[in-house]
Amino acid sequence: MTFRAVFVRPSNRTGSAYLSKWGFLPAPLGLLALAGEIKRIPDSEVKIIDMEADNISLDEAISQILEFKPDLVGITLHATAAHNNAGYIARGVKKAKPDTVLVAGGHHATFLPEELIEAGFDISVLGEGDETIYDIAMAIIENGSFNQINGIVFSEGGSIKRTMPRKLIQDLDTLPMPPLELLDPSKYTFKVFGTDDRVMCLETSRGCPYGCDFCSVTPTWGNTWRNKSNERIIKEMENAKSYGYNWIFFTDDIFIVEPNVKHREALFDMILEKELNTSWIVQMRVDVTSRHPELIEKAAKAGMSISFLGVESGSEEILKKMHKGEFTPQSAQAVKILSSNDIVVIVGMMVGAPYERYRDLRSTVKFSRELARAGADALQFSIYTPLPGTRIFDEALEKKSLFTLDWDRFDVLTPVMKTRVGPVLDQMVQFYASYSFYIYKFLRGKIIGLQLAGKKKKLIDTGTRFIVDMMPEYLRSIARFPRHLLETYDMYWNSKKNGFIGKEGHEELVSNSNKIIYDMGKKKNVYYMIKR
């Protein structure tokens, strides 16, 4: 009998800012990884439903799932804001086909597993799900018990059970190759830089050894940075190119870590030697970037075309409180190094930390101008958001700082907690900082007659034309802003009057968010597992 599995990337109710503003939608690597595991099973069939790429409604997604007649449905909560939509799909499938096993994965499922079970799922996977999804599928096929599968929370006989922690996957090279044949490349676009561009996500490593207080990446991956071999990375890049993808988004939370600089240099040499001729996007730390200009030069020759830098704040004091481990002079230097190598620089900054003062907000906005002068091309200004699994989520419940647990608002663009300056002002500053950065860049470029050259000029010119074409959408976004601001105002003052959300009644949230999800063995403080 054929075993059938469907994997779904649900849309967020607030929509994807990357897709709506930049036309950027990379292929869903997480679902491909899970599909690769299922394809190891003889006589199995797999389908991927990507609601963002297919632009379908929730009910249409449910219809497509049921039409496939799956034994297993896996839904990734790639963002906390996808929680409500994921639950709606799970309940719709369960109602029509009760024998389907519904599995939730992703960071939200990892740290709020019981809530996902209550939302309609049978199983919530804790942490990385590659080996876990294979074990779940085999248990379904063999009518076995889920009790023996490590790293899950599941429902059985009306009660919720948690199994033993799972060990981290030691060798990422042993994972199946992503089955790219399951996707239509034409749906995974990067319209801001070209209407015919196609973007594939690949990973060269997992994890982060750092401890930023706002980030759920570190606990999700067990505080350990692991990498694939260069040979495996090259093989995946060649495979992506063969399917027509000319952009690769390396989803690594940190593409280069200090202990692996030489290994990355060898990778760049291999890419140049094989003449892969692909453009790629990476996420970098400013300290590593600023210390290795020669490495960035070689990376640019090998295809690094866009780099995202998490700068976060223009206040040294705030960076220390965030446990960022970086300083503003490093950020400016990193931007200059990247820009001088024809790399488009996207800077990530945020406002709304509960300990942030008005002068810190001003410092951050002012520093964004300095980064613009250093060569930063784009700015992603987000709202400091206490995501489940982070220290600040637990602190927010402890201190009764949250004024909502509506997961639709946990999109890192909408305030959800009280702050020193107030969430309404935070939202206003975030809006002003985002749009004024581009106005400043444009006016400064015209005044000083700034001229770009090389591949960066081509990308920026294409991006400028896209932005002009998208201007009606941007204007509609600006027109909607007062309504969003009023929603924040009403929710905040409602909570101020009726009481903020605290620990009482939410013990489950606190206990699950704090749990260690991996069996780390005796070596609890191994921050790097370098594969040469």
Protein backbone atom coordinates (compact mmCIF):
# COMPACT_ATOMS: atom_id res chain seq x y z
CA MET A 1 0.00 0.00 0.00
CA THR A 2 1.31 3.46 -0.94
CA PHE A 3 2.19 5.77 1.95
CA ARG A 4 1.14 9.35 1.20
CA ALA A 5 2.42 12.50 2.91
CA VAL A 6 1.62 16.18 2.36
CA PHE A 7 3.79 19.00 3.68
CA VAL A 8 2.37 22.51 3.94
CA ARG A 9 3.85 25.98 4.29
CA PRO A 10 0.91 28.04 5.60
CA SER A 11 0.56 31.74 4.93
CA ASN A 12 0.52 34.32 7.71
CA ARG A 13 -2.67 36.29 8.24
CA THR A 14 -0.61 39.48 8.17
CA GLY A 15 1.07 38.42 4.92
CA SER A 16 4.72 38.16 3.94
CA ALA A 17 6.48 41.54 3.93
CA TYR A 18 9.33 40.11 1.83
CA LEU A 19 6.90 38.95 -0.85
CA SER A 20 4.66 42.02 -0.87
CA LYS A 21 7.47 44.60 -0.69
CA TRP A 22 10.29 42.92 -2.67
CA GLY A 23 8.69 40.06 -4.56
CA PHE A 24 11.02 37.73 -2.67
CA LEU A 25 9.86 34.15 -2.06
CA PRO A 26 12.58 31.51 -1.64
CA ALA A 27 11.75 27.81 -1.98
CA PRO A 28 10.69 26.04 1.27
CA LEU A 29 13.85 24.12 2.18
CA GLY A 30 12.40 22.77 5.43
CA LEU A 31 9.56 21.02 3.60
CA LEU A 32 11.98 19.68 0.99
CA ALA A 33 14.12 18.20 3.77
CA LEU A 34 11.10 16.42 5.26
CA ALA A 35 9.95 15.25 1.83
CA GLY A 36 13.43 13.79 1.23
CA GLU A 37 13.08 11.69 4.36
CA ILE A 38 9.67 10.32 3.29
CA LYS A 39 11.01 9.47 -0.17
CA ARG A 40 13.42 7.07 1.52
CA ILE A 41 10.38 4.88 2.20
CA PRO A 42 9.63 2.45 -0.67
CA ASP A 43 6.31 2.99 -2.43
CA SER A 44 5.70 6.45 -0.96
CA GLU A 45 4.30 9.62 -2.52
CA VAL A 46 4.89 13.17 -1.33
CA LYS A 47 3.22 16.48 -2.16
CA ILE A 48 4.24 20.00 -1.10
CA ILE A 49 1.61 22.73 -0.75
CA ASP A 50 3.07 26.20 -0.47
CA MET A 51 0.25 28.63 0.26
CA GLU A 52 2.45 31.68 -0.32
CA ALA A 53 3.77 30.46 -3.67
CA ASP A 54 0.39 29.13 -4.87
CA ASN A 55 -1.52 32.15 -3.50
CA ILE A 56 -4.36 29.96 -2.24
CA SER A 57 -6.85 30.35 0.60
CA LEU A 58 -7.03 28.18 3.71
CA ASP A 59 -10.03 26.28 2.41
CA GLU A 60 -8.31 25.70 -0.93
CA ALA A 61 -5.28 24.32 0.93
CA ILE A 62 -7.52 21.93 2.87
CA SER A 63 -9.21 20.79 -0.38
CA GLN A 64 -5.84 20.08 -2.02
CA ILE A 65 -4.68 18.11 1.02
CA LEU A 66 -7.82 15.96 1.10
CA GLU A 67 -7.68 15.36 -2.64
CA PHE A 68 -4.25 13.74 -2.17
CA LYS A 69 -5.69 11.37 0.48
CA PRO A 70 -2.64 11.57 2.78
CA ASP A 71 -1.74 9.33 5.70
CA LEU A 72 0.37 12.14 7.20
CA VAL A 73 0.14 15.91 6.95
CA GLY A 74 3.07 18.00 8.17
CA ILE A 75 2.64 21.75 8.63
CA THR A 76 5.64 23.94 9.31
CA LEU A 77 5.19 26.93 11.58
CA HIS A 78 8.07 28.84 10.05
CA ALA A 79 6.81 31.86 11.94
CA THR A 80 4.80 32.22 15.13
CA ALA A 81 2.32 34.35 13.16
CA ALA A 82 1.37 31.22 11.16
CA HIS A 83 -0.08 29.54 14.28
CA ASN A 84 -3.75 30.38 13.73
CA ASN A 85 -3.76 29.46 10.04
CA ALA A 86 -1.95 26.19 10.76
CA GLY A 87 -4.52 25.27 13.40
CA TYR A 88 -7.39 26.05 11.03
CA ILE A 89 -5.93 23.72 8.38
CA ALA A 90 -5.30 20.95 10.92
CA ARG A 91 -8.88 21.05 12.23
CA GLY A 92 -10.32 21.15 8.70
CA VAL A 93 -8.36 18.08 7.61
CA LYS A 94 -9.13 16.19 10.83
CA LYS A 95 -12.84 16.82 10.50
CA ALA A 96 -12.96 15.47 6.93
CA LYS A 97 -10.42 12.64 7.34
CA PRO A 98 -10.05 11.72 11.04
CA ASP A 99 -7.48 8.98 10.47
CA THR A 100 -4.90 11.44 9.06
CA VAL A 101 -1.94 12.02 11.38
CA LEU A 102 -1.29 15.75 11.70
CA VAL A 103 2.23 16.86 12.59
CA ALA A 104 3.38 20.39 13.50
CA GLY A 105 7.00 21.48 13.24
CA GLY A 106 9.12 24.61 13.48
CA HIS A 107 10.21 26.82 16.34
CA HIS A 108 6.66 27.62 17.48
CA ALA A 109 5.79 23.92 17.64
CA THR A 110 9.04 23.28 19.47
CA PHE A 111 8.34 25.63 22.35
CA LEU A 112 4.54 25.57 22.53
CA PRO A 113 3.84 21.92 21.67
CA GLU A 114 0.84 21.41 23.94
CA GLU A 115 -0.85 24.47 22.50
CA LEU A 116 -0.42 22.98 19.02
CA ILE A 117 -1.96 19.69 20.18
CA GLU A 118 -4.92 21.61 21.55
CA ALA A 119 -5.17 23.49 18.24
CA GLY A 120 -5.84 20.21 16.40
CA PHE A 121 -2.51 18.46 15.79
CA ASP A 122 -1.68 14.89 16.81
CA ILE A 123 2.08 15.40 17.12
CA SER A 124 4.37 18.36 17.70
CA VAL A 125 8.01 17.85 16.69
CA LEU A 126 10.63 19.37 18.98
CA GLY A 127 13.59 20.89 17.12
CA GLU A 128 14.97 19.48 13.89
CA GLY A 129 12.50 17.10 12.32
CA ASP A 130 14.44 15.25 9.61
CA GLU A 131 14.93 11.91 11.33
CA THR A 132 11.81 12.39 13.45
CA ILE A 133 9.43 12.62 10.49
CA TYR A 134 10.83 9.38 9.08
CA ASP A 135 10.27 7.63 12.42
CA ILE A 136 6.70 8.98 12.61
CA ALA A 137 5.95 7.75 9.08
CA MET A 138 7.32 4.27 9.85
CA ALA A 139 5.24 4.10 13.04
CA ILE A 140 2.12 4.90 11.01
CA ILE A 141 2.97 2.28 8.38
CA GLU A 142 3.71 -0.40 10.99
CA ASN A 143 0.83 0.60 13.32
CA GLY A 144 3.45 1.18 15.99
CA SER A 145 3.46 3.42 19.04
CA PHE A 146 4.69 7.01 19.01
CA ASN A 147 6.04 6.42 22.53
CA GLN A 148 9.31 5.12 21.13
CA ILE A 149 9.98 8.18 18.96
CA ASN A 150 12.28 10.63 20.68
CA GLY A 151 11.77 14.37 20.42
CA ILE A 152 8.00 14.70 20.14
CA VAL A 153 4.92 15.69 22.09
CA PHE A 154 1.79 13.78 21.09
CA SER A 155 -1.80 13.11 22.00
CA GLU A 156 -2.88 9.62 23.05
CA GLY A 157 -6.10 8.55 24.69
CA GLY A 158 -7.07 12.08 25.64
CA SER A 159 -3.74 12.88 27.34
CA ILE A 160 -0.62 14.69 26.11
CA LYS A 161 2.72 12.89 26.33
CA ARG A 162 6.31 14.05 25.87
CA THR A 163 8.96 11.53 24.83
CA MET A 164 12.68 11.50 25.61
CA PRO A 165 14.82 14.27 24.04
CA ARG A 166 16.40 13.48 20.68
CA LYS A 167 20.12 13.87 19.98
CA LEU A 168 21.26 16.43 17.45
CA ILE A 169 22.06 15.05 14.01
CA GLN A 170 25.81 14.65 14.14
CA ASP A 171 26.60 14.58 10.41
CA LEU A 172 24.47 16.81 8.16
CA ASP A 173 26.00 15.17 5.07
CA THR A 174 23.97 12.02 5.82
CA LEU A 175 20.68 13.83 5.16
CA PRO A 176 18.91 13.10 1.84
CA MET A 177 19.39 15.52 -1.04
CA PRO A 178 16.46 17.97 -1.29
CA PRO A 179 13.97 16.54 -3.86
CA LEU A 180 13.74 19.68 -6.01
CA GLU A 181 11.51 17.91 -8.53
CA LEU A 182 8.59 18.49 -6.12
CA LEU A 183 8.60 22.26 -6.75
CA ASP A 184 7.89 24.59 -9.66
CA PRO A 185 10.93 26.93 -9.83
CA SER A 186 8.93 29.69 -11.53
CA LYS A 187 7.05 30.33 -8.26
CA TYR A 188 10.16 31.15 -6.24
CA THR A 189 10.96 34.64 -7.35
CA PHE A 190 13.21 37.56 -6.54
CA LYS A 191 11.36 40.20 -8.54
CA VAL A 192 13.14 43.16 -7.00
CA PHE A 193 16.29 42.06 -8.84
CA GLY A 194 14.79 40.43 -11.95
CA THR A 195 11.48 39.05 -13.20
CA ASP A 196 13.10 35.81 -14.37
CA ASP A 197 15.18 35.18 -11.25
CA ARG A 198 14.57 31.98 -9.27
CA VAL A 199 15.60 31.47 -5.64
CA MET A 200 16.42 28.16 -3.98
CA CYS A 201 17.10 27.89 -0.26
CA LEU A 202 20.04 25.74 0.79
CA GLU A 203 21.72 25.25 4.14
CA THR A 204 25.43 24.79 4.71
CA SER A 205 25.14 24.74 8.49
CA ARG A 206 22.67 24.72 11.37
CA GLY A 207 22.69 26.54 14.63
CA CYS A 208 24.18 29.55 16.35
CA PRO A 209 26.66 29.63 19.25
CA TYR A 210 25.65 33.15 20.33
CA GLY A 211 23.02 34.17 22.87
CA CYS A 212 21.05 37.21 21.66
CA ASP A 213 18.12 37.57 24.04
CA PHE A 214 15.50 38.08 21.31
CA CYS A 215 16.44 35.10 19.12
CA SER A 216 14.82 31.66 19.16
CA VAL A 217 17.43 30.17 16.79
CA THR A 218 19.93 29.29 19.50
CA PRO A 219 17.59 27.14 21.64
CA THR A 220 15.93 25.65 18.53
CA TRP A 221 19.25 24.24 17.28
CA GLY A 222 20.75 23.41 20.67
CA ASN A 223 23.34 26.21 20.95
CA THR A 224 25.62 24.32 18.55
CA TRP A 225 26.90 25.31 15.09
CA ARG A 226 27.22 22.34 12.70
CA ASN A 227 28.23 22.43 9.06
CA LYS A 228 28.12 20.31 5.92
CA SER A 229 31.25 19.37 4.00
CA ASN A 230 32.25 21.52 1.05
CA GLU A 231 31.70 18.58 -1.29
CA ARG A 232 28.09 18.22 -0.16
CA ILE A 233 27.47 21.98 -0.45
CA ILE A 234 28.81 22.03 -4.02
CA LYS A 235 26.62 19.06 -4.94
CA GLU A 236 23.49 20.84 -3.66
CA MET A 237 24.43 24.05 -5.49
CA GLU A 238 24.92 22.15 -8.74
CA ASN A 239 21.57 20.43 -8.24
CA ALA A 240 19.79 23.76 -7.69
CA LYS A 241 21.38 25.21 -10.82
CA SER A 242 20.28 22.19 -12.87
CA TYR A 243 16.65 22.99 -11.95
CA GLY A 244 16.95 26.59 -13.14
CA TYR A 245 17.62 28.41 -9.88
CA ASN A 246 20.08 31.26 -10.45
CA TRP A 247 19.94 32.59 -6.87
CA ILE A 248 20.74 30.62 -3.74
CA PHE A 249 19.65 31.84 -0.34
CA PHE A 250 21.88 30.17 2.23
CA THR A 251 19.51 29.97 5.17
CA ASP A 252 22.32 29.58 7.73
CA ASP A 253 21.69 31.88 10.65
CA ILE A 254 25.41 32.68 10.51
CA PHE A 255 27.14 31.82 7.25
CA ILE A 256 30.70 32.26 8.55
CA VAL A 257 31.81 31.64 12.12
CA GLU A 258 35.32 32.39 13.32
CA PRO A 259 36.48 28.76 13.77
CA ASN A 260 35.44 27.93 10.18
CA VAL A 261 37.01 30.79 8.22
CA LYS A 262 39.60 28.60 6.44
CA HIS A 263 36.96 26.02 5.55
CA ARG A 264 34.77 28.72 3.99
CA GLU A 265 37.73 30.03 2.02
CA ALA A 266 38.23 26.54 0.60
CA LEU A 267 34.53 26.45 -0.34
CA PHE A 268 34.84 29.71 -2.26
CA ASP A 269 37.86 28.33 -4.10
CA MET A 270 35.85 25.25 -5.10
CA ILE A 271 32.94 27.36 -6.36
CA LEU A 272 35.32 29.43 -8.51
CA GLU A 273 37.11 26.34 -9.77
CA LYS A 274 33.83 24.72 -10.86
CA GLU A 275 32.55 28.00 -12.37
CA LEU A 276 29.09 27.62 -10.85
CA ASN A 277 28.15 31.22 -11.72
CA THR A 278 25.30 31.55 -9.25
CA SER A 279 24.44 34.53 -7.09
CA TRP A 280 23.87 33.94 -3.42
CA ILE A 281 22.45 35.61 -0.35
CA VAL A 282 23.88 35.10 3.12
CA GLN A 283 23.38 36.24 6.71
CA MET A 284 26.56 37.45 8.39
CA ARG A 285 27.79 38.79 11.70
CA VAL A 286 29.43 42.20 11.57
CA ASP A 287 32.38 41.22 13.80
CA VAL A 288 33.44 38.29 11.60
CA THR A 289 32.91 40.39 8.44
CA SER A 290 34.94 43.35 9.71
CA ARG A 291 37.86 41.11 10.73
CA HIS A 292 38.19 39.27 7.40
CA PRO A 293 38.08 41.67 4.43
CA GLU A 294 40.18 39.32 2.27
CA LEU A 295 37.66 36.52 2.81
CA ILE A 296 34.78 38.79 1.76
CA GLU A 297 36.68 39.73 -1.39
CA LYS A 298 36.98 36.07 -2.38
CA ALA A 299 33.34 35.39 -1.43
CA ALA A 300 32.21 38.19 -3.73
CA LYS A 301 34.14 36.67 -6.64
CA ALA A 302 32.53 33.30 -5.88
CA GLY A 303 28.98 34.67 -6.01
CA MET A 304 28.11 36.44 -2.75
CA SER A 305 25.87 39.21 -4.03
CA ILE A 306 23.65 40.13 -1.08
CA SER A 307 24.51 40.06 2.59
CA PHE A 308 22.16 40.59 5.51
CA LEU A 309 23.77 42.05 8.64
CA GLY A 310 21.97 41.96 11.98
CA VAL A 311 23.07 45.32 13.40
CA GLU A 312 19.96 45.66 15.63
CA SER A 313 20.70 48.94 17.43
CA GLY A 314 22.74 52.13 17.26
CA SER A 315 23.12 52.21 21.05
CA GLU A 316 26.09 50.41 22.58
CA GLU A 317 24.17 50.08 25.84
CA ILE A 318 21.22 48.38 24.13
CA LEU A 319 23.52 46.00 22.23
CA LYS A 320 25.05 44.92 25.54
CA LYS A 321 21.63 44.33 27.08
CA MET A 322 20.64 42.28 24.01
CA HIS A 323 23.79 40.16 24.51
CA LYS A 324 24.59 40.83 20.88
CA GLY A 325 28.36 40.73 21.36
CA GLU A 326 28.98 43.40 18.69
CA PHE A 327 29.68 47.12 18.59
CA THR A 328 28.63 49.92 16.25
CA PRO A 329 32.11 50.67 14.78
CA GLN A 330 32.30 47.03 13.63
CA SER A 331 28.92 47.42 11.93
CA ALA A 332 29.98 50.47 9.91
CA GLN A 333 33.24 48.77 8.94
CA ALA A 334 31.46 45.58 7.89
CA VAL A 335 29.08 47.57 5.66
CA LYS A 336 32.02 49.35 4.01
CA ILE A 337 33.86 46.09 3.33
CA LEU A 338 30.81 44.42 1.79
CA SER A 339 29.83 47.46 -0.28
CA SER A 340 33.37 47.95 -1.60
CA ASN A 341 33.18 44.39 -2.95
CA ASP A 342 30.02 45.09 -4.98
CA ILE A 343 27.80 43.28 -2.48
CA VAL A 344 24.31 44.63 -1.81
CA VAL A 345 24.06 45.23 1.94
CA ILE A 346 20.77 44.76 3.80
CA VAL A 347 20.84 45.89 7.41
CA GLY A 348 18.54 44.54 10.09
CA MET A 349 17.68 46.89 12.96
CA MET A 350 14.96 46.90 15.58
CA VAL A 351 13.19 49.09 18.07
CA GLY A 352 10.91 48.26 20.97
CA ALA A 353 13.11 46.52 23.53
CA PRO A 354 11.45 46.93 26.95
CA TYR A 355 14.59 48.57 28.38
CA GLU A 356 15.01 51.01 25.46
CA ARG A 357 14.70 54.74 26.11
CA TYR A 358 13.76 57.50 23.70
CA ARG A 359 17.41 58.52 23.31
CA ASP A 360 18.22 54.93 22.29
CA LEU A 361 15.56 55.09 19.58
CA ARG A 362 17.12 58.29 18.29
CA SER A 363 20.57 56.71 18.34
CA THR A 364 19.33 53.78 16.27
CA VAL A 365 17.64 55.97 13.66
CA LYS A 366 20.72 58.23 13.52
CA PHE A 367 23.03 55.24 13.16
CA SER A 368 20.96 53.92 10.24
CA ARG A 369 21.95 57.12 8.40
CA GLU A 370 25.61 56.44 9.16
CA LEU A 371 25.23 52.94 7.74
CA ALA A 372 23.59 54.43 4.64
CA ARG A 373 26.65 56.64 4.17
CA ALA A 374 28.89 53.59 4.68
CA GLY A 375 27.15 51.82 1.80
CA ALA A 376 24.06 50.05 3.21
CA ASP A 377 21.49 49.66 0.43
CA ALA A 378 18.39 48.46 2.26
CA LEU A 379 17.06 48.46 5.78
CA GLN A 380 14.76 46.00 7.52
CA PHE A 381 13.43 47.74 10.60
CA SER A 382 11.54 45.34 12.86
CA ILE A 383 9.85 45.40 16.25
CA TYR A 384 11.60 43.64 19.14
CA THR A 385 9.27 40.68 19.69
CA PRO A 386 9.33 38.10 22.52
CA LEU A 387 9.02 34.87 20.51
CA PRO A 388 8.37 31.58 22.34
CA GLY A 389 11.60 29.86 23.25
CA THR A 390 13.48 33.06 24.01
CA ARG A 391 14.50 34.43 27.39
CA ILE A 392 12.52 37.58 26.75
CA PHE A 393 9.30 35.62 26.21
CA ASP A 394 9.62 34.11 29.67
CA GLU A 395 10.55 37.50 31.15
CA ALA A 396 7.58 39.16 29.45
CA LEU A 397 5.20 36.67 31.08
CA GLU A 398 6.99 36.99 34.40
CA LYS A 399 6.85 40.80 34.36
CA LYS A 400 3.38 40.96 32.78
CA SER A 401 4.66 42.92 29.80
CA LEU A 402 2.58 41.28 27.07
CA PHE A 403 -0.68 42.94 26.10
CA THR A 404 -1.69 40.18 23.66
CA LEU A 405 -1.15 36.50 22.92
CA ASP A 406 -2.77 36.80 19.50
CA TRP A 407 -0.08 34.97 17.52
CA ASP A 408 -1.09 36.78 14.31
CA ARG A 409 0.62 39.84 15.76
CA PHE A 410 3.90 38.05 16.49
CA ASP A 411 5.24 38.88 13.02
CA VAL A 412 8.17 41.05 14.32
CA LEU A 413 6.50 44.03 12.64
CA THR A 414 3.74 44.67 15.19
CA PRO A 415 4.12 45.58 18.89
CA VAL A 416 2.89 43.01 21.44
CA MET A 417 4.43 44.24 24.70
CA LYS A 418 4.66 47.36 26.81
CA THR A 419 7.94 49.26 26.77
CA ARG A 420 9.54 52.25 28.46
CA VAL A 421 8.55 54.62 25.66
CA GLY A 422 5.30 52.84 24.79
CA PRO A 423 4.40 50.47 21.94
CA VAL A 424 2.60 53.16 19.93
CA LEU A 425 5.72 55.33 19.79
CA ASP A 426 7.83 52.27 18.97
CA GLN A 427 5.55 51.50 16.03
CA MET A 428 5.70 55.09 14.82
CA VAL A 429 9.51 55.14 15.00
CA GLN A 430 9.74 51.81 13.18
CA PHE A 431 7.50 53.13 10.39
CA TYR A 432 9.36 56.44 10.14
CA ALA A 433 12.81 54.83 10.24
CA SER A 434 11.94 52.31 7.51
CA TYR A 435 10.66 54.80 4.94
CA SER A 436 12.94 57.73 5.82
CA PHE A 437 16.04 55.56 5.28
CA TYR A 438 15.21 55.19 1.59
CA ILE A 439 14.30 58.87 1.20
CA TYR A 440 17.65 59.77 2.80
CA LYS A 441 19.52 57.37 0.51
CA PHE A 442 17.79 58.75 -2.58
CA LEU A 443 18.30 62.44 -1.74
CA ARG A 444 21.91 61.95 -0.66
CA GLY A 445 22.68 60.05 -3.85
CA LYS A 446 21.21 62.86 -5.96
CA ILE A 447 22.97 65.64 -4.03
CA ILE A 448 26.48 64.14 -4.08
CA GLY A 449 26.02 62.48 -7.46
CA LEU A 450 26.73 59.00 -6.12
CA GLN A 451 27.63 56.59 -8.92
CA LEU A 452 27.65 52.82 -8.51
CA ALA A 453 29.53 50.37 -10.68
CA GLY A 454 29.81 46.65 -11.36
CA LYS A 455 27.25 43.99 -10.47
CA LYS A 456 25.94 46.04 -7.54
CA LYS A 457 24.91 48.83 -9.93
CA LYS A 458 22.98 46.35 -12.05
CA LEU A 459 21.15 44.93 -9.03
CA ILE A 460 20.34 48.35 -7.56
CA ASP A 461 19.14 49.74 -10.91
CA THR A 462 16.83 46.73 -11.37
CA GLY A 463 15.64 47.09 -7.78
CA THR A 464 14.91 50.79 -8.25
CA ARG A 465 12.72 50.06 -11.28
CA PHE A 466 10.84 47.41 -9.27
CA ILE A 467 10.27 49.85 -6.39
CA VAL A 468 8.90 52.49 -8.77
CA ASP A 469 6.49 49.92 -10.21
CA MET A 470 5.47 48.89 -6.68
CA MET A 471 4.86 52.47 -5.52
CA PRO A 472 1.03 52.10 -5.47
CA GLU A 473 1.37 49.18 -3.04
CA TYR A 474 3.75 51.15 -0.83
CA LEU A 475 1.32 54.08 -0.79
CA ARG A 476 -1.52 51.74 0.20
CA SER A 477 0.69 50.43 3.02
CA ILE A 478 1.29 53.99 4.22
CA ALA A 479 -2.45 54.71 4.07
CA ARG A 480 -3.19 51.63 6.20
CA PHE A 481 -0.66 52.58 8.88
CA PRO A 482 -2.96 54.84 11.00
CA ARG A 483 -5.42 51.94 11.34
CA HIS A 484 -2.63 49.60 12.51
CA LEU A 485 -1.50 52.25 14.98
CA LEU A 486 -5.01 52.56 16.40
CA GLU A 487 -5.22 48.78 16.81
CA THR A 488 -2.03 48.83 18.87
CA TYR A 489 -3.31 51.77 20.91
CA ASP A 490 -6.65 50.08 21.66
CA MET A 491 -5.07 46.73 22.61
CA TYR A 492 -2.45 48.37 24.81
CA TRP A 493 -4.88 50.56 26.73
CA ASN A 494 -7.35 47.71 27.06
CA SER A 495 -4.67 45.62 28.74
CA LYS A 496 -3.58 48.53 30.88
CA LYS A 497 -7.15 48.81 32.14
CA ASN A 498 -7.91 45.08 32.48
CA GLY A 499 -4.45 43.71 33.34
CA PHE A 500 -1.51 42.55 31.24
CA ILE A 501 -0.94 38.91 30.37
CA GLY A 502 1.25 37.28 32.99
CA LYS A 503 2.45 33.95 34.27
CA GLU A 504 -0.77 33.13 36.05
CA GLY A 505 -2.85 30.82 33.88
CA HIS A 506 0.01 30.41 31.43
CA GLU A 507 2.26 28.04 33.34
CA GLU A 508 2.26 25.73 30.32
CA LEU A 509 3.74 28.48 28.14
CA VAL A 510 6.51 29.13 30.64
CA SER A 511 7.36 25.48 31.32
CA ASN A 512 7.47 24.47 27.63
CA SER A 513 9.39 27.54 26.55
CA ASN A 514 12.09 26.78 29.12
CA LYS A 515 12.53 23.08 28.37
CA ILE A 516 15.81 21.69 26.98
CA ILE A 517 14.68 19.87 23.84
CA TYR A 518 17.85 17.93 22.93
CA ASP A 519 19.87 15.20 24.55
CA MET A 520 23.27 16.92 24.50
CA GLY A 521 25.07 13.99 26.15
CA LYS A 522 27.98 14.73 28.45
CA LYS A 523 29.29 17.63 26.36
CA LYS A 524 26.77 20.28 27.27
CA ASN A 525 28.91 23.25 26.22
CA VAL A 526 30.03 22.28 22.75
CA TYR A 527 29.34 25.35 20.65
CA TYR A 528 30.91 24.12 17.41
CA MET A 529 30.87 20.77 15.63
CA ILE A 530 33.07 21.58 12.64
CA LYS A 531 33.08 19.16 9.72
CA ARG A 532 36.12 19.54 7.44
